[in-house]
């Protein structure tokens, strides 16, 4: 399973979601889906904008963690 660390990163840096949206030029609904880990996917363009705005690498934002059921996908 892929986990998005956007909420943690913004919290650590005390950045509001609306500030990120304005700086990165992304839609609030897109950012909210990533923030609450409800997104089914993310485009490379959006990922690049977020990484540029936060000065991070994609691997800092997205982490792979084993599924709870032995690493198997349903």
Protein backbone atom coordinates (compact mmCIF):
# COMPACT_ATOMS: atom_id res chain seq x y z
CA UNK A 1 0.00 0.00 0.00
CA UNK A 2 1.21 3.49 -0.81
CA UNK A 3 0.81 6.08 1.94
CA UNK A 4 0.90 9.82 1.39
CA UNK A 5 2.74 11.85 4.02
CA UNK A 6 1.36 15.24 2.95
CA UNK A 7 -0.50 15.77 6.22
CA UNK A 8 2.59 14.98 8.30
CA UNK A 9 4.89 17.17 6.18
CA UNK A 10 2.55 20.16 6.31
CA UNK A 11 2.09 19.68 10.05
CA UNK A 12 5.83 19.53 10.68
CA UNK A 13 6.37 22.70 8.69
CA UNK A 14 3.21 24.40 9.96
CA UNK A 15 2.01 25.08 6.43
CA UNK A 16 -1.71 25.38 5.73
CA UNK A 17 -3.19 23.31 2.94
CA UNK A 18 -4.50 26.48 1.29
CA UNK A 19 -0.97 27.92 1.29
CA UNK A 20 0.36 24.81 -0.45
CA UNK A 21 -2.42 24.96 -3.05
CA UNK A 22 -1.65 28.60 -3.82
CA UNK A 23 2.12 28.06 -3.98
CA UNK A 24 1.97 24.84 -6.00
CA UNK A 25 -0.92 25.90 -8.22
CA UNK A 26 -2.99 22.78 -7.55
CA UNK A 27 -6.71 22.38 -6.91
CA UNK A 28 -7.84 22.26 -3.30
CA UNK A 29 -9.86 19.07 -3.92
CA UNK A 30 -6.73 17.35 -5.24
CA UNK A 31 -4.71 18.44 -2.22
CA UNK A 32 -7.49 17.40 0.17
CA UNK A 33 -7.65 13.91 -1.34
CA UNK A 34 -3.90 13.50 -0.87
CA UNK A 35 -3.94 15.08 2.59
CA UNK A 36 -6.64 12.67 3.82
CA UNK A 37 -5.17 9.73 1.86
CA UNK A 38 -8.33 9.26 -0.18
CA UNK A 39 -6.70 9.76 -3.58
CA UNK A 40 -6.80 6.79 -5.94
CA UNK A 41 -3.84 8.18 -7.87
CA UNK A 42 -1.83 11.29 -8.56
CA UNK A 43 -0.48 12.68 -11.83
CA UNK A 44 3.22 13.27 -12.24
CA UNK A 45 2.45 16.92 -12.92
CA UNK A 46 0.70 17.37 -9.56
CA UNK A 47 3.38 15.36 -7.77
CA UNK A 48 6.08 17.55 -9.33
CA UNK A 49 4.29 20.76 -8.30
CA UNK A 50 3.90 19.61 -4.69
CA UNK A 51 7.52 18.47 -4.48
CA UNK A 52 8.76 21.75 -5.96
CA UNK A 53 6.63 23.84 -3.58
CA UNK A 54 7.81 21.89 -0.53
CA UNK A 55 11.38 21.34 -1.80
CA UNK A 56 11.12 17.58 -1.32
CA UNK A 57 11.55 14.44 -3.40
CA UNK A 58 8.64 12.15 -4.36
CA UNK A 59 10.00 9.52 -1.97
CA UNK A 60 9.61 11.98 0.90
CA UNK A 61 5.92 12.38 0.09
CA UNK A 62 4.96 8.82 -0.86
CA UNK A 63 5.95 5.74 1.14
CA UNK A 64 5.24 2.09 0.49
CA UNK A 65 4.12 0.17 3.56
CA UNK A 66 3.16 -3.49 3.71
CA UNK A 67 -0.54 -4.25 3.61
CA UNK A 68 -1.97 -5.41 6.91
CA UNK A 69 -2.77 -8.83 5.48
CA UNK A 70 0.71 -10.12 4.72
CA UNK A 71 1.53 -7.67 1.97
CA UNK A 72 -1.13 -9.03 -0.40
CA UNK A 73 -3.34 -6.79 -2.46
CA UNK A 74 -7.01 -7.57 -2.72
